[in-house]
């Protein structure tokens, strides 16, 4: 089966796989004027796949007017500097992750997790540094296709955010939750504060949405809110 470079999720909303069919995903929203907002930029080698995804949508890098990062990890921010260079688009990220995006390295690993700091040293956690033009805060609503709401879900990183596109009722969980062989938590080793991740992710069960999209794994379109709430109910907030 041919792998599509861009998968439509809702009107003017697309998933762009940057690793495999859904192992790592970026997202794109197209406004009425043809301008594009990218959400996450994959690893440092991902820009070529994102450009192919844009082409499948009938768009080019010149159409990209904003880049939003869910968090400052190499598989999400790694391609941001190159895409910002190609497009001229400003980059937005939560204020608590701005220092890490601009330094080009992961936030500190969770010291409570055995091997967390060792894993960070071995894995490196570095990526091309990118300047952040727009620091974000919880509750911000970006002018993206009628409104993209910033939902601060820290723990995976200090400034990790999920994003709710209110007109299409499309939720992008970021790494607050994975959908890899079912809904699950991010591996503990990848979190800055795993306990906080489990606490703050409960807000995703309180939001209203019809599609749940993940930066790791395929989207859920069949009762996604109920399925996420069922998963969260097994972990006290």
Protein backbone atom coordinates (compact mmCIF):
# COMPACT_ATOMS: atom_id res chain seq x y z
CA UNK A 1 0.00 0.00 0.00
CA UNK A 2 1.34 3.45 -0.95
CA UNK A 3 1.98 5.65 2.06
CA UNK A 4 0.24 9.02 1.76
CA UNK A 5 2.44 12.05 2.52
CA UNK A 6 -0.57 13.87 4.04
CA UNK A 7 -3.74 12.46 5.61
CA UNK A 8 -6.84 14.69 5.79
CA UNK A 9 -8.46 14.66 9.23
CA UNK A 10 -11.03 17.45 9.02
CA UNK A 11 -11.74 20.38 6.72
CA UNK A 12 -8.36 22.11 6.15
CA UNK A 13 -6.61 19.98 8.79
CA UNK A 14 -4.01 17.35 7.88
CA UNK A 15 -1.62 14.87 9.50
CA UNK A 16 1.84 14.64 7.97
CA UNK A 17 3.74 11.47 8.99
CA UNK A 18 7.46 12.19 9.36
CA UNK A 19 8.55 8.73 10.53
CA UNK A 20 6.80 5.61 9.23
CA UNK A 21 3.04 5.68 8.78
CA UNK A 22 2.35 7.36 12.13
CA UNK A 23 5.37 6.80 14.40
CA UNK A 24 6.03 10.55 14.47
CA UNK A 25 3.50 13.04 13.15
CA UNK A 26 3.36 16.70 12.30
CA UNK A 27 0.13 18.56 11.51
CA UNK A 28 -0.96 21.33 9.16
CA UNK A 29 -3.93 23.70 9.18
CA UNK A 30 -4.86 25.71 6.09
CA UNK A 31 -6.69 29.02 6.44
CA UNK A 32 -9.16 30.40 3.91
CA UNK A 33 -6.44 32.59 2.40
CA UNK A 34 -4.24 29.52 1.77
CA UNK A 35 -1.80 30.24 4.58
CA UNK A 36 -0.55 27.22 6.53
CA UNK A 37 0.20 26.68 10.21
CA UNK A 38 2.50 23.75 10.93
CA UNK A 39 2.34 21.96 14.26
CA UNK A 40 5.67 20.24 15.06
CA UNK A 41 8.50 19.68 12.62
CA UNK A 42 9.77 16.18 13.34
CA UNK A 43 13.42 15.20 13.54
CA UNK A 44 16.16 17.22 11.86
CA UNK A 45 15.71 15.18 8.65
CA UNK A 46 11.92 15.61 8.58
CA UNK A 47 11.58 18.86 6.56
CA UNK A 48 11.79 17.00 3.22
CA UNK A 49 8.84 14.79 4.21
CA UNK A 50 6.90 17.80 5.48
CA UNK A 51 7.46 19.59 2.18
CA UNK A 52 6.15 16.49 0.36
CA UNK A 53 3.14 16.54 2.66
CA UNK A 54 2.51 20.19 1.86
CA UNK A 55 2.71 19.40 -1.85
CA UNK A 56 0.10 16.65 -1.43
CA UNK A 57 -2.14 19.32 0.12
CA UNK A 58 -1.52 21.68 -2.80
CA UNK A 59 0.67 23.93 -0.68
CA UNK A 60 4.34 24.97 -0.69
CA UNK A 61 6.78 26.14 2.00
CA UNK A 62 6.04 29.72 0.91
CA UNK A 63 2.47 29.24 2.21
CA UNK A 64 3.63 28.46 5.77
CA UNK A 65 3.11 31.52 7.96
CA UNK A 66 3.39 30.00 11.45
CA UNK A 67 5.11 27.06 13.16
CA UNK A 68 3.82 25.85 16.54
CA UNK A 69 5.79 23.39 18.67
CA UNK A 70 4.08 21.15 21.20
CA UNK A 71 7.42 20.87 23.03
CA UNK A 72 11.18 21.11 22.69
CA UNK A 73 12.23 17.50 22.01
CA UNK A 74 14.31 16.45 18.98
CA UNK A 75 11.47 14.49 17.32
CA UNK A 76 9.20 17.54 17.41
CA UNK A 77 11.52 20.54 17.21
CA UNK A 78 14.40 18.94 15.29
CA UNK A 79 13.26 20.22 11.90
CA UNK A 80 11.98 23.58 13.14
CA UNK A 81 15.11 25.63 12.43
CA UNK A 82 15.32 24.38 8.84
CA UNK A 83 11.61 24.88 8.19
CA UNK A 84 11.74 28.34 9.72
CA UNK A 85 14.65 29.12 7.40
CA UNK A 86 12.85 27.77 4.32
CA UNK A 87 9.52 29.40 5.05
CA UNK A 88 10.40 32.56 6.97
CA UNK A 89 7.61 31.62 9.39
CA UNK A 90 7.89 32.58 13.07
CA UNK A 91 8.01 29.80 15.65
CA UNK A 92 5.71 29.63 18.67
CA UNK A 93 6.22 27.47 21.79
CA UNK A 94 5.14 27.58 25.41
CA UNK A 95 7.24 30.01 27.43
CA UNK A 96 8.54 27.23 29.70
CA UNK A 97 10.08 25.39 26.73
CA UNK A 98 11.49 28.45 24.97
CA UNK A 99 14.91 28.21 26.66
CA UNK A 100 15.31 24.61 25.51
CA UNK A 101 14.17 25.27 21.93
CA UNK A 102 16.58 28.18 21.66
CA UNK A 103 19.44 26.17 23.19
CA UNK A 104 18.67 23.12 21.05
CA UNK A 105 18.45 20.48 23.74
CA UNK A 106 15.94 18.52 25.79
CA UNK A 107 14.71 19.77 29.13
CA UNK A 108 16.23 17.81 32.07
CA UNK A 109 15.01 14.25 32.52
CA UNK A 110 12.92 13.23 35.52
CA UNK A 111 15.38 12.64 38.37
CA UNK A 112 12.82 10.37 40.07
CA UNK A 113 12.97 7.88 37.18
CA UNK A 114 15.76 5.35 37.42
CA UNK A 115 18.09 5.84 34.50
CA UNK A 116 16.41 9.02 33.29
CA UNK A 117 19.48 11.21 33.42
CA UNK A 118 21.66 8.40 32.04
CA UNK A 119 19.23 7.94 29.13
CA UNK A 120 19.39 11.65 28.34
CA UNK A 121 23.19 11.58 28.27
CA UNK A 122 23.29 8.48 26.05
CA UNK A 123 20.51 9.56 23.68
CA UNK A 124 21.91 13.07 23.37
CA UNK A 125 18.65 15.01 23.20
CA UNK A 126 20.15 17.70 20.98
CA UNK A 127 18.70 19.31 17.87
CA UNK A 128 19.30 22.47 15.81
CA UNK A 129 18.49 25.48 17.97
CA UNK A 130 15.56 27.59 16.81
CA UNK A 131 14.54 31.11 17.78
CA UNK A 132 11.04 31.34 19.27
CA UNK A 133 9.24 34.51 18.22
CA UNK A 134 6.00 33.86 20.13
CA UNK A 135 5.99 32.46 23.68
CA UNK A 136 2.67 30.77 24.40
CA UNK A 137 0.62 30.46 27.59
CA UNK A 138 -2.23 28.21 28.68
CA UNK A 139 -5.52 29.37 27.25
CA UNK A 140 -4.07 31.33 24.33
CA UNK A 141 -6.21 31.05 21.21
CA UNK A 142 -4.20 31.34 18.01
CA UNK A 143 -5.81 32.74 14.88
CA UNK A 144 -5.61 29.44 13.01
CA UNK A 145 -8.63 28.40 10.96
CA UNK A 146 -11.06 29.94 13.42
CA UNK A 147 -9.20 29.23 16.65
CA UNK A 148 -6.45 26.91 17.92
CA UNK A 149 -6.50 26.78 21.70
CA UNK A 150 -3.32 26.17 23.70
CA UNK A 151 -3.77 23.67 26.54
CA UNK A 152 -0.73 23.53 28.82
CA UNK A 153 -0.12 19.89 29.76
CA UNK A 154 3.31 19.98 31.42
CA UNK A 155 5.23 16.94 32.57
CA UNK A 156 6.54 15.46 29.36
CA UNK A 157 8.41 18.76 29.27
CA UNK A 158 7.89 21.89 31.37
CA UNK A 159 6.20 23.70 28.51
CA UNK A 160 4.46 20.81 26.80
CA UNK A 161 1.14 21.79 25.22
CA UNK A 162 -1.78 20.03 23.63
CA UNK A 163 -3.82 21.92 21.04
CA UNK A 164 -7.57 22.03 20.44
CA UNK A 165 -8.80 23.26 17.06
CA UNK A 166 -12.20 24.42 18.15
CA UNK A 167 -13.98 24.79 14.76
CA UNK A 168 -13.24 21.20 13.69
CA UNK A 169 -13.20 19.75 17.24
CA UNK A 170 -9.78 18.26 16.56
CA UNK A 171 -7.50 17.64 19.54
CA UNK A 172 -3.75 17.23 19.10
CA UNK A 173 -2.52 15.58 22.29
CA UNK A 174 1.18 16.09 21.62
CA UNK A 175 3.12 13.65 23.79
CA UNK A 176 0.74 13.99 26.73
CA UNK A 177 -0.65 10.69 25.41
CA UNK A 178 0.59 8.23 22.77
CA UNK A 179 -1.57 5.97 20.60
CA UNK A 180 0.90 3.15 20.03
CA UNK A 181 -0.79 -0.24 20.35
CA UNK A 182 -3.54 1.61 22.16
CA UNK A 183 -3.69 4.82 24.19
CA UNK A 184 -0.83 4.94 26.65
CA UNK A 185 1.56 7.20 28.53
CA UNK A 186 4.83 8.37 27.13
CA UNK A 187 7.76 6.25 28.37
CA UNK A 188 8.89 7.54 31.75
CA UNK A 189 12.46 8.02 30.54
CA UNK A 190 11.30 10.66 28.05
CA UNK A 191 9.52 12.86 30.61
CA UNK A 192 10.77 15.76 32.67
CA UNK A 193 8.25 14.86 35.37
CA UNK A 194 6.31 11.66 34.73
CA UNK A 195 4.00 12.11 37.72
CA UNK A 196 3.04 15.57 36.47
CA UNK A 197 2.36 14.15 33.00
CA UNK A 198 -0.19 11.76 34.46
CA UNK A 199 -1.79 14.56 36.48
CA UNK A 200 -2.07 17.22 33.80
CA UNK A 201 -3.21 14.83 31.04
CA UNK A 202 -6.53 14.46 32.83
CA UNK A 203 -7.57 17.82 31.36
CA UNK A 204 -7.77 16.05 27.99
CA UNK A 205 -10.73 14.08 29.29
CA UNK A 206 -12.56 17.30 30.10
CA UNK A 207 -12.29 18.89 26.66
CA UNK A 208 -14.83 18.49 23.86
CA UNK A 209 -13.57 16.97 20.60
CA UNK A 210 -14.56 14.53 17.87
CA UNK A 211 -11.07 13.56 16.66
CA UNK A 212 -8.03 12.83 18.82
CA UNK A 213 -4.75 13.17 16.95
CA UNK A 214 -1.43 12.05 18.39
CA UNK A 215 2.14 13.01 17.62
CA UNK A 216 2.97 9.32 18.09
CA UNK A 217 0.37 6.99 16.57
CA UNK A 218 -2.72 7.23 14.38
CA UNK A 219 -5.74 9.39 15.14
CA UNK A 220 -8.88 8.19 16.91
CA UNK A 221 -12.18 9.02 15.20
CA UNK A 222 -14.52 6.54 16.92
CA UNK A 223 -15.57 7.91 20.33
CA UNK A 224 -12.11 9.35 21.02
CA UNK A 225 -13.11 11.34 24.09
CA UNK A 226 -14.74 8.31 25.70
CA UNK A 227 -11.72 6.13 24.94
CA UNK A 228 -9.29 8.67 26.34
CA UNK A 229 -11.43 9.19 29.43
CA UNK A 230 -11.58 5.41 29.95
CA UNK A 231 -7.78 5.26 29.81
CA UNK A 232 -7.37 8.22 32.16
CA UNK A 233 -9.88 6.77 34.61
CA UNK A 234 -7.43 3.94 35.31
CA UNK A 235 -4.91 6.48 36.61
CA UNK A 236 -5.96 8.81 39.46
CA UNK A 237 -5.26 12.49 38.83
